[in-house]
Protein backbone atom coordinates (compact mmCIF):
# COMPACT_ATOMS: atom_id res chain seq x y z
CA MET A 1 43.83 -9.51 8.12
CA ARG A 2 40.34 -9.49 9.70
CA ARG A 3 38.87 -12.94 10.05
CA VAL A 4 35.21 -13.46 9.06
CA SER A 5 33.21 -16.02 11.03
CA PHE A 6 31.21 -18.69 9.28
CA GLY A 7 28.02 -17.22 10.79
CA MET A 8 28.82 -13.78 9.43
CA LEU A 9 29.51 -15.29 6.06
CA LEU A 10 26.16 -16.99 5.99
CA VAL A 11 24.36 -13.76 6.95
CA THR A 12 26.22 -11.95 4.19
CA LEU A 13 25.45 -14.58 1.61
CA SER A 14 21.77 -14.66 2.56
CA PHE A 15 21.53 -10.89 2.34
CA LEU A 16 23.09 -10.95 -1.14
CA ALA A 17 20.75 -13.71 -2.27
CA ALA A 18 17.75 -11.68 -1.12
CA ALA A 19 19.03 -8.58 -2.90
CA GLN A 20 19.30 -10.28 -6.27
CA SER A 21 16.53 -9.98 -8.82
CA LEU A 22 14.00 -12.79 -8.89
CA PRO A 23 14.74 -15.57 -11.38
CA HIS A 24 12.97 -15.54 -14.75
CA ALA A 25 11.10 -18.22 -16.66
CA SER A 26 9.49 -18.49 -20.08
CA PRO A 27 5.66 -18.11 -20.13
CA THR A 28 5.05 -21.73 -21.15
CA ASP A 29 7.27 -23.07 -18.34
CA VAL A 30 4.82 -21.66 -15.74
CA GLY A 31 1.54 -22.09 -17.50
CA PHE A 32 1.10 -18.86 -19.39
CA SER A 33 0.28 -18.23 -23.04
CA ALA A 34 3.16 -16.20 -24.59
CA GLN A 35 0.76 -14.97 -27.34
CA ARG A 36 -1.72 -13.64 -24.80
CA LEU A 37 0.96 -11.94 -22.78
CA ASP A 38 2.16 -10.32 -26.04
CA HIS A 39 -1.40 -8.99 -26.41
CA ILE A 40 -1.10 -7.27 -23.04
CA THR A 41 2.09 -5.56 -24.23
CA GLN A 42 0.34 -4.35 -27.38
CA VAL A 43 -2.58 -2.97 -25.42
CA LEU A 44 -0.27 -1.03 -23.11
CA ARG A 45 1.77 0.32 -26.05
CA ASP A 46 -1.47 1.42 -27.79
CA ASP A 47 -2.71 3.07 -24.60
CA ALA A 48 0.53 5.05 -24.32
CA THR A 49 0.32 6.03 -28.02
CA LYS A 50 -3.26 7.24 -27.46
CA ALA A 51 -2.08 9.16 -24.38
CA LEU A 52 -4.39 7.26 -22.04
CA VAL A 53 -1.37 7.11 -19.72
CA PRO A 54 2.23 8.32 -20.25
CA GLY A 55 3.70 4.89 -19.67
CA SER A 56 3.61 1.76 -17.56
CA VAL A 57 5.58 -1.08 -16.01
CA LEU A 58 4.04 -4.50 -15.58
CA LEU A 59 5.60 -7.45 -13.77
CA ILE A 60 4.03 -10.90 -13.41
CA ALA A 61 5.62 -13.74 -11.40
CA ARG A 62 4.50 -17.32 -10.86
CA HIS A 63 6.06 -20.19 -8.96
CA GLY A 64 8.80 -17.81 -7.71
CA LYS A 65 9.86 -16.75 -11.24
CA VAL A 66 9.22 -13.62 -13.27
CA VAL A 67 7.30 -14.58 -16.43
CA TYR A 68 6.64 -11.09 -17.73
CA PHE A 69 8.47 -7.76 -17.10
CA GLU A 70 7.87 -4.99 -19.63
CA SER A 71 7.92 -1.18 -19.70
CA THR A 72 5.97 0.81 -22.30
CA GLY A 73 5.44 4.43 -23.17
CA THR A 74 7.20 7.38 -21.63
CA LEU A 75 8.69 8.02 -18.20
CA ASN A 76 8.09 11.77 -18.31
CA PRO A 77 5.68 13.56 -20.67
CA ALA A 78 7.74 16.71 -20.45
CA THR A 79 11.02 15.13 -21.60
CA HIS A 80 9.56 12.26 -23.67
CA ALA A 81 12.14 9.96 -22.04
CA PRO A 82 11.13 6.32 -22.55
CA MET A 83 9.70 4.38 -19.62
CA THR A 84 12.27 2.09 -17.96
CA LYS A 85 11.89 -1.02 -15.82
CA ASP A 86 13.75 0.68 -12.98
CA ALA A 87 11.45 3.76 -13.00
CA ILE A 88 10.60 5.12 -9.58
CA PHE A 89 6.93 5.47 -8.85
CA ARG A 90 4.91 7.16 -6.08
CA ILE A 91 3.14 4.10 -4.76
CA TYR A 92 0.94 5.98 -2.29
CA SER A 93 -1.36 3.52 -0.46
CA MET A 94 0.69 0.54 -1.46
CA SER A 95 2.85 1.88 1.38
CA LYS A 96 0.17 0.52 3.74
CA ALA A 97 1.14 -3.09 3.03
CA VAL A 98 4.78 -2.32 3.97
CA SER A 99 3.78 -0.46 7.17
CA SER A 100 1.44 -3.30 8.14
CA VAL A 101 4.28 -5.80 7.81
CA ALA A 102 6.49 -3.52 9.94
CA ALA A 103 3.80 -3.44 12.66
CA MET A 104 3.32 -7.20 12.55
CA MET A 105 7.06 -7.71 13.03
CA LEU A 106 6.66 -5.96 16.39
CA VAL A 107 3.60 -8.06 17.13
CA GLU A 108 5.65 -11.23 16.52
CA GLU A 109 8.31 -9.93 18.95
CA GLY A 110 5.72 -9.41 21.69
CA LYS A 111 6.23 -5.65 21.66
CA LEU A 112 2.77 -4.89 20.30
CA ALA A 113 -0.60 -6.67 20.44
CA LEU A 114 -3.59 -6.18 18.19
CA ASN A 115 -5.93 -5.61 21.13
CA ASP A 116 -3.65 -2.94 22.68
CA PRO A 117 -5.42 0.40 22.91
CA LEU A 118 -3.91 3.04 20.71
CA ALA A 119 -3.74 5.44 23.67
CA LYS A 120 -1.18 3.11 25.29
CA PHE A 121 1.34 4.40 22.73
CA ILE A 122 -0.13 7.80 21.84
CA PRO A 123 -1.87 9.10 24.98
CA ALA A 124 -3.65 11.92 23.12
CA PHE A 125 -6.06 9.34 21.65
CA ALA A 126 -7.48 8.66 25.15
CA ARG A 127 -9.37 11.95 24.70
CA VAL A 128 -10.97 11.45 21.25
CA SER A 129 -14.66 12.01 20.55
CA VAL A 130 -16.98 10.57 17.88
CA GLY A 131 -18.72 13.01 15.58
CA VAL A 132 -22.41 12.23 15.12
CA GLU A 133 -24.16 13.95 12.23
CA LYS A 134 -27.55 15.43 12.98
CA ARG A 135 -29.93 17.69 11.09
CA ASP A 136 -31.34 20.94 12.49
CA ALA A 137 -34.82 22.28 11.82
CA ASP A 138 -33.67 23.66 8.48
CA GLY A 139 -32.17 20.36 7.40
CA LYS A 140 -28.59 21.58 7.82
CA ALA A 141 -26.07 18.99 8.97
CA THR A 142 -24.56 19.61 12.41
CA LEU A 143 -21.99 17.64 14.39
CA ASP A 144 -22.51 16.42 17.92
CA LEU A 145 -19.53 14.99 19.80
CA VAL A 146 -20.03 11.87 21.89
CA ALA A 147 -17.66 9.56 23.79
CA PRO A 148 -16.39 6.42 22.04
CA LYS A 149 -17.99 3.19 23.28
CA ARG A 150 -14.59 1.49 23.32
CA PRO A 151 -10.95 2.51 22.68
CA ILE A 152 -9.30 2.40 19.29
CA THR A 153 -7.08 -0.69 19.03
CA ILE A 154 -4.06 -1.55 16.94
CA GLN A 155 -6.21 -3.99 14.98
CA ASP A 156 -8.58 -1.16 14.21
CA LEU A 157 -5.68 0.80 12.68
CA LEU A 158 -4.63 -2.16 10.53
CA ARG A 159 -8.12 -2.89 9.19
CA HIS A 160 -9.45 0.72 8.91
CA THR A 161 -12.09 0.39 11.65
CA SER A 162 -10.66 3.01 13.97
CA GLY A 163 -13.18 5.70 13.11
CA ILE A 164 -10.33 7.87 11.84
CA THR A 165 -10.99 9.01 8.24
CA TYR A 166 -9.53 10.89 5.30
CA GLY A 167 -10.63 14.44 4.57
CA PHE A 168 -9.65 14.65 0.90
CA PHE A 169 -12.62 12.74 -0.47
CA GLY A 170 -16.21 12.76 0.67
CA SER A 171 -18.30 15.55 2.22
CA SER A 172 -19.49 14.41 5.63
CA PRO A 173 -19.21 16.92 8.52
CA VAL A 174 -16.21 15.05 9.95
CA LYS A 175 -14.45 14.95 6.59
CA ARG A 176 -15.11 18.68 6.17
CA ALA A 177 -13.69 19.24 9.60
CA TYR A 178 -10.44 17.57 8.52
CA VAL A 179 -10.17 19.95 5.52
CA GLU A 180 -11.11 23.02 7.53
CA ALA A 181 -8.54 22.15 10.22
CA GLY A 182 -5.84 21.74 7.59
CA VAL A 183 -4.59 18.47 8.93
CA MET A 184 -2.57 17.94 5.74
CA LYS A 185 -1.17 21.47 5.57
CA GLY A 186 2.50 22.22 6.05
CA ASP A 187 5.38 19.90 6.97
CA PHE A 188 5.29 17.77 10.08
CA THR A 189 6.72 14.69 11.70
CA ASN A 190 4.76 11.53 12.31
CA GLU A 191 4.49 12.52 15.94
CA GLU A 192 3.05 15.91 15.06
CA PHE A 193 0.66 14.43 12.52
CA ALA A 194 -0.67 11.82 14.97
CA ASP A 195 -1.34 14.65 17.47
CA ARG A 196 -3.30 16.51 14.77
CA ILE A 197 -5.47 13.49 14.06
CA ALA A 198 -6.08 12.87 17.78
CA LYS A 199 -7.68 16.38 17.98
CA MET A 200 -10.18 15.53 15.21
CA PRO A 201 -13.53 13.81 15.82
CA LEU A 202 -13.85 10.17 14.74
CA ALA A 203 -16.25 9.53 11.85
CA TYR A 204 -17.55 6.32 13.44
CA GLN A 205 -17.50 4.42 16.67
CA PRO A 206 -14.32 2.31 16.77
CA GLY A 207 -14.74 -1.21 15.50
CA THR A 208 -18.09 -0.67 13.75
CA THR A 209 -17.35 0.59 10.23
CA TRP A 210 -14.73 0.13 7.51
CA ASP A 211 -13.73 3.68 6.48
CA TYR A 212 -10.58 4.36 4.49
CA SER A 213 -8.36 6.60 6.55
CA HIS A 214 -5.21 7.96 8.06
CA SER A 215 -5.23 4.91 10.35
CA THR A 216 -2.03 3.54 8.82
CA ASP A 217 -0.34 6.93 9.17
CA VAL A 218 -1.08 6.77 12.90
CA LEU A 219 0.13 3.15 12.92
CA GLY A 220 3.43 4.43 11.55
CA ARG A 221 3.79 6.59 14.61
CA VAL A 222 3.10 3.56 16.80
CA VAL A 223 5.92 1.71 15.06
CA GLU A 224 8.23 4.63 15.89
CA VAL A 225 7.16 4.72 19.58
CA VAL A 226 7.55 0.93 20.06
CA SER A 227 10.81 0.56 18.09
CA GLY A 228 12.48 3.81 19.20
CA MET A 229 13.42 4.57 15.57
CA SER A 230 11.96 6.75 12.85
CA LEU A 231 9.60 4.87 10.58
CA TYR A 232 12.10 4.96 7.71
CA GLN A 233 14.98 3.79 9.92
CA PHE A 234 12.89 0.82 11.10
CA GLU A 235 11.62 -0.13 7.62
CA LYS A 236 15.07 0.32 6.10
CA GLN A 237 16.75 -1.86 8.70
CA ARG A 238 14.14 -4.60 8.91
CA ILE A 239 12.60 -4.65 5.37
CA PHE A 240 14.26 -2.55 2.68
CA ASP A 241 17.95 -3.38 3.16
CA PRO A 242 17.52 -7.12 3.78
CA LEU A 243 15.18 -7.49 0.81
CA GLY A 244 17.43 -5.44 -1.45
CA MET A 245 14.79 -2.72 -1.92
CA ASN A 246 17.46 -0.12 -2.60
CA ASP A 247 15.19 2.33 -4.41
CA THR A 248 12.37 2.30 -1.89
CA SER A 249 12.14 5.31 0.45
CA PHE A 250 9.98 8.26 1.37
CA TYR A 251 11.95 10.73 -0.76
CA VAL A 252 14.24 10.51 -3.75
CA THR A 253 17.23 12.40 -2.33
CA ASP A 254 19.95 10.98 -4.56
CA PRO A 255 20.39 13.32 -7.59
CA ALA A 256 21.44 10.32 -9.73
CA LYS A 257 18.07 8.64 -9.15
CA GLN A 258 15.83 11.70 -9.57
CA PRO A 259 15.64 11.47 -13.39
CA ARG A 260 14.08 8.00 -12.95
CA VAL A 261 10.96 9.38 -11.22
CA ALA A 262 7.89 8.64 -13.37
CA GLU A 263 5.58 11.58 -13.99
CA PRO A 264 1.86 11.92 -14.84
CA PHE A 265 0.37 14.16 -17.46
CA PRO A 266 0.14 17.77 -16.24
CA ASN A 267 -3.71 17.57 -16.27
CA ASP A 268 -3.74 14.33 -14.26
CA ARG A 269 -2.29 15.28 -10.88
CA VAL A 270 -5.38 15.71 -8.65
CA ILE A 271 -5.90 12.95 -6.12
CA GLY A 272 -8.54 14.57 -3.89
CA ILE A 273 -9.73 17.74 -2.20
CA ASP A 274 -6.75 20.07 -1.72
CA ALA A 275 -4.52 17.09 -2.66
CA VAL A 276 -2.35 16.74 -5.74
CA ILE A 277 0.54 14.51 -6.76
CA GLY A 278 3.66 15.84 -5.09
CA ASP A 279 7.35 15.84 -5.93
CA PRO A 280 9.32 13.16 -4.07
CA ARG A 281 12.57 14.99 -4.95
CA VAL A 282 11.56 17.66 -2.41
CA THR A 283 12.43 16.31 1.02
CA GLY A 284 10.07 16.86 3.94
CA LYS A 285 9.76 15.66 7.52
CA TRP A 286 6.67 13.52 7.08
CA GLU A 287 7.19 9.83 6.55
CA SER A 288 3.62 8.79 5.70
CA ALA A 289 3.13 5.15 6.60
CA GLY A 290 -0.15 5.18 4.64
CA GLY A 291 0.97 6.83 1.44
CA GLY A 292 4.47 8.22 1.38
CA LEU A 293 6.71 5.62 -0.20
CA VAL A 294 8.26 5.57 -3.66
CA SER A 295 9.47 2.32 -5.15
CA THR A 296 10.30 0.37 -8.33
CA ALA A 297 8.86 -2.77 -9.84
CA GLY A 298 11.95 -4.75 -8.93
CA ASP A 299 11.91 -3.61 -5.31
CA TYR A 300 8.22 -4.17 -4.67
CA ALA A 301 8.31 -7.53 -6.49
CA ARG A 302 10.72 -8.87 -3.89
CA PHE A 303 8.43 -7.63 -1.14
CA LEU A 304 5.45 -9.40 -2.72
CA GLN A 305 7.40 -12.60 -3.34
CA MET A 306 8.37 -12.63 0.32
CA LEU A 307 4.70 -12.47 1.26
CA LEU A 308 3.73 -15.14 -1.28
CA ASN A 309 6.47 -17.35 0.16
CA GLY A 310 4.86 -17.10 3.60
CA GLY A 311 7.26 -14.45 4.98
CA THR A 312 10.63 -15.62 3.63
CA LEU A 313 12.93 -14.72 0.71
CA GLY A 314 16.53 -15.49 -0.06
CA GLY A 315 17.05 -17.57 3.04
CA LYS A 316 15.87 -14.84 5.48
CA ARG A 317 12.59 -14.90 7.36
CA TYR A 318 10.73 -11.64 7.79
CA LEU A 319 7.41 -12.95 9.16
CA GLY A 320 6.17 -16.32 10.21
CA PRO A 321 3.91 -18.13 7.71
CA ARG A 322 0.95 -18.11 10.09
CA THR A 323 1.33 -14.36 10.58
CA VAL A 324 1.18 -13.82 6.83
CA ALA A 325 -1.90 -16.09 6.65
CA PHE A 326 -3.48 -14.13 9.53
CA MET A 327 -2.83 -10.80 7.86
CA THR A 328 -4.32 -11.96 4.57
CA SER A 329 -7.51 -13.34 6.15
CA ASP A 330 -10.74 -11.32 6.36
CA HIS A 331 -10.88 -9.38 9.65
CA LEU A 332 -14.21 -7.70 9.09
CA GLY A 333 -16.60 -10.61 9.36
CA ASP A 334 -20.32 -9.85 9.55
CA GLY A 335 -20.12 -7.37 12.43
CA ILE A 336 -18.33 -4.52 10.71
CA VAL A 337 -20.26 -2.64 8.03
CA PRO A 338 -18.82 -0.98 4.94
CA GLY A 339 -18.62 2.77 4.92
CA PRO A 340 -20.13 4.89 2.06
CA LEU A 341 -17.01 4.33 -0.04
CA TYR A 342 -16.03 0.65 0.39
CA LEU A 343 -12.80 0.50 -1.62
CA PRO A 344 -12.16 -3.28 -1.28
CA GLY A 345 -15.21 -3.61 -3.50
CA PRO A 346 -17.80 -6.36 -3.97
CA GLY A 347 -16.58 -9.87 -3.08
CA TYR A 348 -13.79 -8.58 -0.83
CA GLY A 349 -13.27 -8.29 2.87
CA PHE A 350 -10.28 -6.65 4.53
CA GLY A 351 -7.40 -8.10 6.52
CA LEU A 352 -4.44 -6.40 8.15
CA GLY A 353 -3.28 -4.12 5.35
CA PHE A 354 -4.89 -5.83 2.37
CA ALA A 355 -8.27 -6.39 0.72
CA VAL A 356 -8.98 -10.12 0.76
CA ARG A 357 -11.17 -11.95 -1.76
CA ARG A 358 -14.02 -13.83 -0.10
CA SER A 359 -15.62 -15.53 -3.12
CA ALA A 360 -14.80 -16.50 -6.68
CA GLY A 361 -17.74 -14.53 -8.03
CA VAL A 362 -19.43 -11.28 -6.93
CA ALA A 363 -16.43 -9.07 -7.79
CA PRO A 364 -16.52 -7.57 -11.32
CA ASP A 365 -13.06 -8.84 -12.22
CA GLU A 366 -11.34 -12.21 -12.14
CA GLY A 367 -9.40 -13.73 -9.22
CA SER A 368 -9.21 -16.57 -6.73
CA VAL A 369 -10.67 -16.94 -3.29
CA GLY A 370 -7.99 -15.77 -0.90
CA ASP A 371 -6.18 -13.40 -3.22
CA TYR A 372 -5.16 -10.16 -1.56
CA THR A 373 -4.60 -6.81 -3.10
CA TRP A 374 -4.26 -3.07 -2.73
CA ASN A 375 -3.50 -0.01 -4.84
CA GLY A 376 -2.24 3.55 -4.77
CA VAL A 377 -4.18 6.66 -5.71
CA GLY A 378 -1.39 7.55 -8.20
CA GLY A 379 -2.39 4.55 -10.34
CA THR A 380 -0.27 1.67 -9.04
CA HIS A 381 -1.72 -1.61 -7.87
CA PHE A 382 -0.82 -5.24 -7.07
CA TRP A 383 -2.46 -8.48 -6.24
CA VAL A 384 -1.16 -11.75 -4.81
CA ASP A 385 -2.93 -15.01 -5.69
CA PRO A 386 -1.70 -17.82 -3.40
CA LYS A 387 -3.95 -20.38 -5.11
CA GLU A 388 -2.16 -19.76 -8.44
CA ASP A 389 1.18 -19.10 -6.68
CA MET A 390 1.29 -15.80 -8.54
CA PHE A 391 1.56 -12.06 -8.02
CA VAL A 392 1.05 -9.16 -10.44
CA LEU A 393 2.43 -5.62 -10.10
CA PHE A 394 1.25 -2.81 -12.32
CA LEU A 395 2.76 0.69 -12.10
CA ILE A 396 1.47 3.88 -13.72
CA GLN A 397 1.22 7.54 -12.64
CA SER A 398 -2.34 8.37 -13.55
CA PRO A 399 -5.03 8.93 -10.91
CA LYS A 400 -7.67 9.16 -13.63
CA GLN A 401 -6.91 5.69 -15.08
CA ARG A 402 -6.32 3.80 -11.79
CA ALA A 403 -9.79 2.16 -11.62
CA HIS A 404 -9.76 1.31 -15.33
CA TYR A 405 -6.56 -0.70 -15.13
CA MET A 406 -7.41 -2.44 -11.88
CA THR A 407 -10.11 -4.36 -13.69
CA VAL A 408 -8.63 -4.60 -17.20
CA MET A 409 -5.23 -5.85 -16.02
CA ARG A 410 -6.75 -8.63 -13.91
CA ASN A 411 -8.93 -9.88 -16.74
CA MET A 412 -6.09 -9.87 -19.33
CA VAL A 413 -3.61 -11.61 -16.94
CA TYR A 414 -6.02 -14.38 -16.02
CA ALA A 415 -6.96 -14.79 -19.66
CA ALA A 416 -3.28 -15.50 -20.36
CA LEU A 417 -3.06 -18.14 -17.62
CA GLU A 418 -3.70 -21.54 -19.24
CA LYS A 419 -2.51 -24.11 -16.69
């Protein structure tokens, strides 16, 4: 008979503890009004009945316990199957938080530094140019290419100040160049995609402007270079498996899980220029660090609880508490200006993978100073409020209704918080 060491037993037990669902509590035990939480349920049911969205899953946790976890509406408009709590959602840019944690694990190990130049890991970025928009005599926009004043750093990738951009929204000459070059066309590895981006002009000088971008996708390639693994292998080994995030991946390859994929309405699949909601059942080569993951409420809740705990869950430490605090601090300050589309919104700065609330007011929705948040273009969003020791996770598949629920959900949840 094989003998199991005490150390191995402790590792196994800690893994199993992490993999278990978070404990539950009644609303009143953690300061919520049960009546007001019931109102949220009714609103979401009515919205599904009115076909505002097919269905939704909402999870609220406070003081380490789940106080609310409900699914409403339908999972798939085509089949009319009811929404389930274990539904699998395309979380799009909520992938960025996971990828940022992966990168900071390497920072903690001394294998990566925030002031490292990107070209140290992907040499093609040593040759990038910055596109400067000018107008000719007829007023037509033209693009001049100039040298960057400083290299792109790893910190730039994490806080979207690299000058890299997205081509599927906006109409600047650099964004149009992304579309015309077809950077998103076809199937490609992270290495191939990073090389495509390195050939494109930067929209801004590095370190000057917050511009939402493929920066995190390029960061995913850095994780691969530094770790010697594919992005999925690294995240699975270091994050998904230890946290028990068994349904989180880049593709839903298991036929038994595929019926659990939540679907939008047929007329609500557009997410940008030449970009529509895809099918995660169809496996490709690209493992998009910035927008490729699928997940469930239960999986992502464990990830958020780990962050709220300061980097630990179930007896296992993933990040140091000071690293989590550093990531969820504002890294823009006064020297970096917002781009034309500043998605963190009024009252928010940006940290290393998250928008971070700077003030109690200013923003059009409720929250606490220091709360951090992000969302996915498919309709999913989360926020973590350390002051209230709380996180909220809301999952839908509806690009059209994403902005609506980001405000409405905050206001209803804070209205239900009484103590």
